[in-house]
PDB file of all heavy atoms in Angstrom:
ATOM      1  N   ALA A   1       8.019  -8.757 -10.583  1.00  0.00           N
ATOM      2  CA  ALA A   1       8.814  -9.587  -9.672  1.00  0.00           C
ATOM      3  C   ALA A   1       8.522  -9.221  -8.218  1.00  0.00           C
ATOM      4  O   ALA A   1       8.433 -10.101  -7.350  1.00  0.00           O
ATOM      5  CB  ALA A   1      10.294  -9.423  -9.977  1.00  0.00           C
ATOM      6  N   ILE A   2       8.347  -7.925  -7.963  1.00  0.00           N
ATOM      7  CA  ILE A   2       8.027  -7.478  -6.594  1.00  0.00           C
ATOM      8  C   ILE A   2       6.636  -7.963  -6.191  1.00  0.00           C
ATOM      9  O   ILE A   2       6.436  -8.488  -5.093  1.00  0.00           O
ATOM     10  CB  ILE A   2       8.118  -5.943  -6.503  1.00  0.00           C
ATOM     11  CG1 ILE A   2       9.571  -5.490  -6.676  1.00  0.00           C
ATOM     12  CG2 ILE A   2       7.559  -5.446  -5.173  1.00  0.00           C
ATOM     13  CD1 ILE A   2       9.745  -3.994  -6.825  1.00  0.00           C
ATOM     14  N   ILE A   3       5.674  -7.808  -7.098  1.00  0.00           N
ATOM     15  CA  ILE A   3       4.301  -8.249  -6.809  1.00  0.00           C
ATOM     16  C   ILE A   3       4.242  -9.757  -6.583  1.00  0.00           C
ATOM     17  O   ILE A   3       3.610 -10.242  -5.644  1.00  0.00           O
ATOM     18  CB  ILE A   3       3.358  -7.828  -7.962  1.00  0.00           C
ATOM     19  CG1 ILE A   3       3.226  -6.306  -8.019  1.00  0.00           C
ATOM     20  CG2 ILE A   3       1.977  -8.479  -7.797  1.00  0.00           C
ATOM     21  CD1 ILE A   3       2.521  -5.789  -9.262  1.00  0.00           C
ATOM     22  N   ASP A   4       4.924 -10.507  -7.446  1.00  0.00           N
ATOM     23  CA  ASP A   4       4.861 -11.973  -7.392  1.00  0.00           C
ATOM     24  C   ASP A   4       5.710 -12.577  -6.276  1.00  0.00           C
ATOM     25  O   ASP A   4       5.678 -13.796  -6.072  1.00  0.00           O
ATOM     26  CB  ASP A   4       5.311 -12.566  -8.732  1.00  0.00           C
ATOM     27  CG  ASP A   4       4.321 -12.301  -9.847  1.00  0.00           C
ATOM     28  OD1 ASP A   4       3.126 -12.106  -9.535  1.00  0.00           O
ATOM     29  OD2 ASP A   4       4.730 -12.281 -11.026  1.00  0.00           O
ATOM     30  N   SER A   5       6.441 -11.747  -5.556  1.00  0.00           N
ATOM     31  CA  SER A   5       7.330 -12.279  -4.515  1.00  0.00           C
ATOM     32  C   SER A   5       6.567 -13.028  -3.421  1.00  0.00           C
ATOM     33  O   SER A   5       7.119 -13.914  -2.773  1.00  0.00           O
ATOM     34  CB  SER A   5       8.167 -11.157  -3.897  1.00  0.00           C
ATOM     35  OG  SER A   5       7.346 -10.219  -3.217  1.00  0.00           O
ATOM     36  N   THR A   6       5.279 -12.694  -3.225  1.00  0.00           N
ATOM     37  CA  THR A   6       4.497 -13.405  -2.198  1.00  0.00           C
ATOM     38  C   THR A   6       4.165 -14.838  -2.618  1.00  0.00           C
ATOM     39  O   THR A   6       3.694 -15.624  -1.795  1.00  0.00           O
ATOM     40  CB  THR A   6       3.183 -12.663  -1.883  1.00  0.00           C
ATOM     41  OG1 THR A   6       2.428 -12.495  -3.085  1.00  0.00           O
ATOM     42  CG2 THR A   6       3.471 -11.298  -1.263  1.00  0.00           C
ATOM     43  N   ASP A   7       4.405 -15.181  -3.885  1.00  0.00           N
ATOM     44  CA  ASP A   7       4.167 -16.545  -4.354  1.00  0.00           C
ATOM     45  C   ASP A   7       5.328 -17.487  -4.020  1.00  0.00           C
ATOM     46  O   ASP A   7       5.208 -18.707  -4.206  1.00  0.00           O
ATOM     47  CB  ASP A   7       3.936 -16.564  -5.869  1.00  0.00           C
ATOM     48  CG  ASP A   7       2.569 -16.009  -6.256  1.00  0.00           C
ATOM     49  OD1 ASP A   7       1.706 -15.913  -5.369  1.00  0.00           O
ATOM     50  OD2 ASP A   7       2.380 -15.674  -7.443  1.00  0.00           O
ATOM     51  N   GLU A   8       6.440 -16.922  -3.574  1.00  0.00           N
ATOM     52  CA  GLU A   8       7.598 -17.751  -3.239  1.00  0.00           C
ATOM     53  C   GLU A   8       7.275 -18.645  -2.035  1.00  0.00           C
ATOM     54  O   GLU A   8       6.703 -18.194  -1.045  1.00  0.00           O
ATOM     55  CB  GLU A   8       8.807 -16.871  -2.927  1.00  0.00           C
ATOM     56  CG  GLU A   8       9.276 -15.998  -4.091  1.00  0.00           C
ATOM     57  CD  GLU A   8       9.889 -16.811  -5.218  1.00  0.00           C
ATOM     58  OE1 GLU A   8      10.341 -17.949  -4.943  1.00  0.00           O
ATOM     59  OE2 GLU A   8       9.908 -16.322  -6.363  1.00  0.00           O
ATOM     60  N   ASP A   9       7.674 -19.903  -2.115  1.00  0.00           N
ATOM     61  CA  ASP A   9       7.332 -20.876  -1.069  1.00  0.00           C
ATOM     62  C   ASP A   9       7.877 -20.507   0.303  1.00  0.00           C
ATOM     63  O   ASP A   9       7.263 -20.804   1.334  1.00  0.00           O
ATOM     64  CB  ASP A   9       7.851 -22.269  -1.459  1.00  0.00           C
ATOM     65  CG  ASP A   9       7.099 -22.846  -2.649  1.00  0.00           C
ATOM     66  OD1 ASP A   9       5.944 -22.428  -2.871  1.00  0.00           O
ATOM     67  OD2 ASP A   9       7.667 -23.707  -3.340  1.00  0.00           O
ATOM     68  N   TYR A  10       9.034 -19.827   0.347  1.00  0.00           N
ATOM     69  CA  TYR A  10       9.650 -19.530   1.640  1.00  0.00           C
ATOM     70  C   TYR A  10       8.810 -18.563   2.467  1.00  0.00           C
ATOM     71  O   TYR A  10       8.923 -18.534   3.697  1.00  0.00           O
ATOM     72  CB  TYR A  10      11.063 -18.971   1.449  1.00  0.00           C
ATOM     73  CG  TYR A  10      11.125 -17.518   1.052  1.00  0.00           C
ATOM     74  CD1 TYR A  10      11.174 -16.517   2.032  1.00  0.00           C
ATOM     75  CD2 TYR A  10      11.134 -17.142  -0.283  1.00  0.00           C
ATOM     76  CE1 TYR A  10      11.224 -15.174   1.666  1.00  0.00           C
ATOM     77  CE2 TYR A  10      11.184 -15.809  -0.645  1.00  0.00           C
ATOM     78  CZ  TYR A  10      11.243 -14.831   0.321  1.00  0.00           C
ATOM     79  OH  TYR A  10      11.286 -13.514  -0.039  1.00  0.00           O
ATOM     80  N   ILE A  11       7.948 -17.780   1.815  1.00  0.00           N
ATOM     81  CA  ILE A  11       7.122 -16.807   2.531  1.00  0.00           C
ATOM     82  C   ILE A  11       6.188 -17.517   3.511  1.00  0.00           C
ATOM     83  O   ILE A  11       6.184 -17.241   4.713  1.00  0.00           O
ATOM     84  CB  ILE A  11       6.295 -15.944   1.546  1.00  0.00           C
ATOM     85  CG1 ILE A  11       7.208 -15.113   0.645  1.00  0.00           C
ATOM     86  CG2 ILE A  11       5.313 -15.054   2.304  1.00  0.00           C
ATOM     87  CD1 ILE A  11       7.922 -13.988   1.354  1.00  0.00           C
ATOM     88  N   ASN A  12       5.390 -18.436   3.007  1.00  0.00           N
ATOM     89  CA  ASN A  12       4.457 -19.157   3.882  1.00  0.00           C
ATOM     90  C   ASN A  12       5.181 -20.070   4.870  1.00  0.00           C
ATOM     91  O   ASN A  12       4.707 -20.269   5.993  1.00  0.00           O
ATOM     92  CB  ASN A  12       3.452 -19.956   3.056  1.00  0.00           C
ATOM     93  CG  ASN A  12       2.318 -19.084   2.527  1.00  0.00           C
ATOM     94  OD1 ASN A  12       2.051 -18.007   3.051  1.00  0.00           O
ATOM     95  ND2 ASN A  12       1.652 -19.544   1.482  1.00  0.00           N
ATOM     96  N   ARG A  13       6.335 -20.621   4.474  1.00  0.00           N
ATOM     97  CA  ARG A  13       7.110 -21.432   5.415  1.00  0.00           C
ATOM     98  C   ARG A  13       7.557 -20.586   6.608  1.00  0.00           C
ATOM     99  O   ARG A  13       7.496 -21.027   7.762  1.00  0.00           O
ATOM    100  CB  ARG A  13       8.330 -22.038   4.718  1.00  0.00           C
ATOM    101  CG  ARG A  13       8.022 -23.206   3.799  1.00  0.00           C
ATOM    102  CD  ARG A  13       9.241 -24.089   3.582  1.00  0.00           C
ATOM    103  NE  ARG A  13      10.375 -23.323   3.060  1.00  0.00           N
ATOM    104  CZ  ARG A  13      10.644 -23.185   1.764  1.00  0.00           C
ATOM    105  NH1 ARG A  13       9.857 -23.757   0.855  1.00  0.00           N
ATOM    106  NH2 ARG A  13      11.680 -22.492   1.364  1.00  0.00           N
ATOM    107  N   SER A  14       7.983 -19.369   6.323  1.00  0.00           N
ATOM    108  CA  SER A  14       8.422 -18.460   7.393  1.00  0.00           C
ATOM    109  C   SER A  14       7.256 -18.065   8.291  1.00  0.00           C
ATOM    110  O   SER A  14       7.399 -17.998   9.515  1.00  0.00           O
ATOM    111  CB  SER A  14       9.061 -17.205   6.788  1.00  0.00           C
ATOM    112  OG  SER A  14      10.199 -17.529   6.021  1.00  0.00           O
ATOM    113  N   ILE A  15       6.090 -17.830   7.682  1.00  0.00           N
ATOM    114  CA  ILE A  15       4.901 -17.466   8.467  1.00  0.00           C
ATOM    115  C   ILE A  15       4.491 -18.622   9.381  1.00  0.00           C
ATOM    116  O   ILE A  15       4.158 -18.421  10.553  1.00  0.00           O
ATOM    117  CB  ILE A  15       3.738 -17.066   7.531  1.00  0.00           C
ATOM    118  CG1 ILE A  15       4.070 -15.755   6.812  1.00  0.00           C
ATOM    119  CG2 ILE A  15       2.433 -16.916   8.318  1.00  0.00           C
ATOM    120  CD1 ILE A  15       3.067 -15.352   5.741  1.00  0.00           C
ATOM    121  N   LEU A  16       4.536 -19.841   8.856  1.00  0.00           N
ATOM    122  CA  LEU A  16       4.176 -21.013   9.657  1.00  0.00           C
ATOM    123  C   LEU A  16       5.114 -21.194  10.849  1.00  0.00           C
ATOM    124  O   LEU A  16       4.683 -21.562  11.945  1.00  0.00           O
ATOM    125  CB  LEU A  16       4.188 -22.267   8.780  1.00  0.00           C
ATOM    126  CG  LEU A  16       3.023 -22.394   7.785  1.00  0.00           C
ATOM    127  CD1 LEU A  16       3.279 -23.535   6.813  1.00  0.00           C
ATOM    128  CD2 LEU A  16       1.710 -22.604   8.523  1.00  0.00           C
ATOM    129  N   LYS A  17       6.395 -20.910  10.652  1.00  0.00           N
ATOM    130  CA  LYS A  17       7.368 -21.002  11.742  1.00  0.00           C
ATOM    131  C   LYS A  17       7.058 -19.972  12.824  1.00  0.00           C
ATOM    132  O   LYS A  17       7.138 -20.260  14.020  1.00  0.00           O
ATOM    133  CB  LYS A  17       8.779 -20.789  11.202  1.00  0.00           C
ATOM    134  CG  LYS A  17       9.326 -21.967  10.424  1.00  0.00           C
ATOM    135  CD  LYS A  17      10.726 -21.683   9.909  1.00  0.00           C
ATOM    136  CE  LYS A  17      11.256 -22.854   9.081  1.00  0.00           C
ATOM    137  NZ  LYS A  17      12.619 -22.559   8.541  1.00  0.00           N
ATOM    138  N   LEU A  18       6.697 -18.756  12.399  1.00  0.00           N
ATOM    139  CA  LEU A  18       6.344 -17.707  13.361  1.00  0.00           C
ATOM    140  C   LEU A  18       5.093 -18.075  14.141  1.00  0.00           C
ATOM    141  O   LEU A  18       5.017 -17.873  15.353  1.00  0.00           O
ATOM    142  CB  LEU A  18       6.126 -16.380  12.627  1.00  0.00           C
ATOM    143  CG  LEU A  18       7.371 -15.644  12.133  1.00  0.00           C
ATOM    144  CD1 LEU A  18       6.969 -14.472  11.262  1.00  0.00           C
ATOM    145  CD2 LEU A  18       8.216 -15.168  13.306  1.00  0.00           C
ATOM    146  N   LYS A  19       4.100 -18.623  13.437  1.00  0.00           N
ATOM    147  CA  LYS A  19       2.847 -19.023  14.093  1.00  0.00           C
ATOM    148  C   LYS A  19       3.094 -20.097  15.146  1.00  0.00           C
ATOM    149  O   LYS A  19       2.530 -20.073  16.238  1.00  0.00           O
ATOM    150  CB  LYS A  19       1.848 -19.532  13.042  1.00  0.00           C
ATOM    151  CG  LYS A  19       1.326 -18.452  12.112  1.00  0.00           C
ATOM    152  CD  LYS A  19       0.446 -19.013  11.026  1.00  0.00           C
ATOM    153  CE  LYS A  19      -0.844 -19.552  11.563  1.00  0.00           C
ATOM    154  NZ  LYS A  19      -1.907 -19.636  10.582  1.00  0.00           N
ATOM    155  N   GLU A  20       3.963 -21.042  14.791  1.00  0.00           N
ATOM    156  CA  GLU A  20       4.259 -22.142  15.711  1.00  0.00           C
ATOM    157  C   GLU A  20       5.092 -21.662  16.900  1.00  0.00           C
ATOM    158  O   GLU A  20       4.826 -22.037  18.045  1.00  0.00           O
ATOM    159  CB  GLU A  20       5.017 -23.244  14.964  1.00  0.00           C
ATOM    160  CG  GLU A  20       5.301 -24.464  15.810  1.00  0.00           C
ATOM    161  CD  GLU A  20       6.023 -25.544  15.020  1.00  0.00           C
ATOM    162  OE1 GLU A  20       6.097 -25.438  13.778  1.00  0.00           O
ATOM    163  OE2 GLU A  20       6.517 -26.493  15.653  1.00  0.00           O
ATOM    164  N   LYS A  21       6.054 -20.808  16.635  1.00  0.00           N
ATOM    165  CA  LYS A  21       6.964 -20.356  17.692  1.00  0.00           C
ATOM    166  C   LYS A  21       6.281 -19.431  18.697  1.00  0.00           C
ATOM    167  O   LYS A  21       6.494 -19.535  19.901  1.00  0.00           O
ATOM    168  CB  LYS A  21       8.172 -19.654  17.068  1.00  0.00           C
ATOM    169  CG  LYS A  21       9.227 -19.225  18.070  1.00  0.00           C
ATOM    170  CD  LYS A  21      10.448 -18.642  17.373  1.00  0.00           C
ATOM    171  CE  LYS A  21      11.517 -18.239  18.392  1.00  0.00           C
ATOM    172  NZ  LYS A  21      12.725 -17.674  17.719  1.00  0.00           N
ATOM    173  N   TYR A  22       5.455 -18.518  18.188  1.00  0.00           N
ATOM    174  CA  TYR A  22       4.881 -17.483  19.057  1.00  0.00           C
ATOM    175  C   TYR A  22       3.387 -17.661  19.312  1.00  0.00           C
ATOM    176  O   TYR A  22       2.776 -16.851  20.001  1.00  0.00           O
ATOM    177  CB  TYR A  22       5.126 -16.094  18.452  1.00  0.00           C
ATOM    178  CG  TYR A  22       6.592 -15.746  18.360  1.00  0.00           C
ATOM    179  CD1 TYR A  22       7.247 -15.789  17.133  1.00  0.00           C
ATOM    180  CD2 TYR A  22       7.325 -15.399  19.490  1.00  0.00           C
ATOM    181  CE1 TYR A  22       8.601 -15.481  17.036  1.00  0.00           C
ATOM    182  CE2 TYR A  22       8.671 -15.075  19.401  1.00  0.00           C
ATOM    183  CZ  TYR A  22       9.301 -15.114  18.172  1.00  0.00           C
ATOM    184  OH  TYR A  22      10.634 -14.807  18.079  1.00  0.00           O
ATOM    185  N   ASP A  23       2.795 -18.713  18.727  1.00  0.00           N
ATOM    186  CA  ASP A  23       1.367 -18.992  18.909  1.00  0.00           C
ATOM    187  C   ASP A  23       0.518 -17.768  18.573  1.00  0.00           C
ATOM    188  O   ASP A  23      -0.300 -17.304  19.369  1.00  0.00           O
ATOM    189  CB  ASP A  23       1.089 -19.442  20.349  1.00  0.00           C
ATOM    190  CG  ASP A  23      -0.317 -20.012  20.498  1.00  0.00           C
ATOM    191  OD1 ASP A  23      -0.849 -20.528  19.499  1.00  0.00           O
ATOM    192  OD2 ASP A  23      -0.884 -19.899  21.605  1.00  0.00           O
ATOM    193  N   ILE A  24       0.743 -17.195  17.401  1.00  0.00           N
ATOM    194  CA  ILE A  24       0.015 -16.008  16.953  1.00  0.00           C
ATOM    195  C   ILE A  24      -0.751 -16.322  15.671  1.00  0.00           C
ATOM    196  O   ILE A  24      -0.416 -17.256  14.943  1.00  0.00           O
ATOM    197  CB  ILE A  24       0.961 -14.807  16.700  1.00  0.00           C
ATOM    198  CG1 ILE A  24       2.110 -15.216  15.761  1.00  0.00           C
ATOM    199  CG2 ILE A  24       1.504 -14.264  18.012  1.00  0.00           C
ATOM    200  CD1 ILE A  24       3.034 -14.083  15.399  1.00  0.00           C
ATOM    201  N   LYS A  25      -1.785 -15.535  15.429  1.00  0.00           N
ATOM    202  CA  LYS A  25      -2.603 -15.722  14.232  1.00  0.00           C
ATOM    203  C   LYS A  25      -2.054 -14.856  13.103  1.00  0.00           C
ATOM    204  O   LYS A  25      -2.039 -13.635  13.193  1.00  0.00           O
ATOM    205  CB  LYS A  25      -4.056 -15.350  14.521  1.00  0.00           C
ATOM    206  CG  LYS A  25      -4.757 -16.297  15.484  1.00  0.00           C
ATOM    207  CD  LYS A  25      -6.210 -15.903  15.680  1.00  0.00           C
ATOM    208  CE  LYS A  25      -6.918 -16.864  16.616  1.00  0.00           C
ATOM    209  NZ  LYS A  25      -8.341 -16.483  16.812  1.00  0.00           N
TER     210      LYS A  25
END
């Protein structure tokens, strides 16, 4: 469950929000 947690959809959604907000790679 810990390993597979990166497969959760909210992870990439959160990363995309950070990329858009702070213009970071």
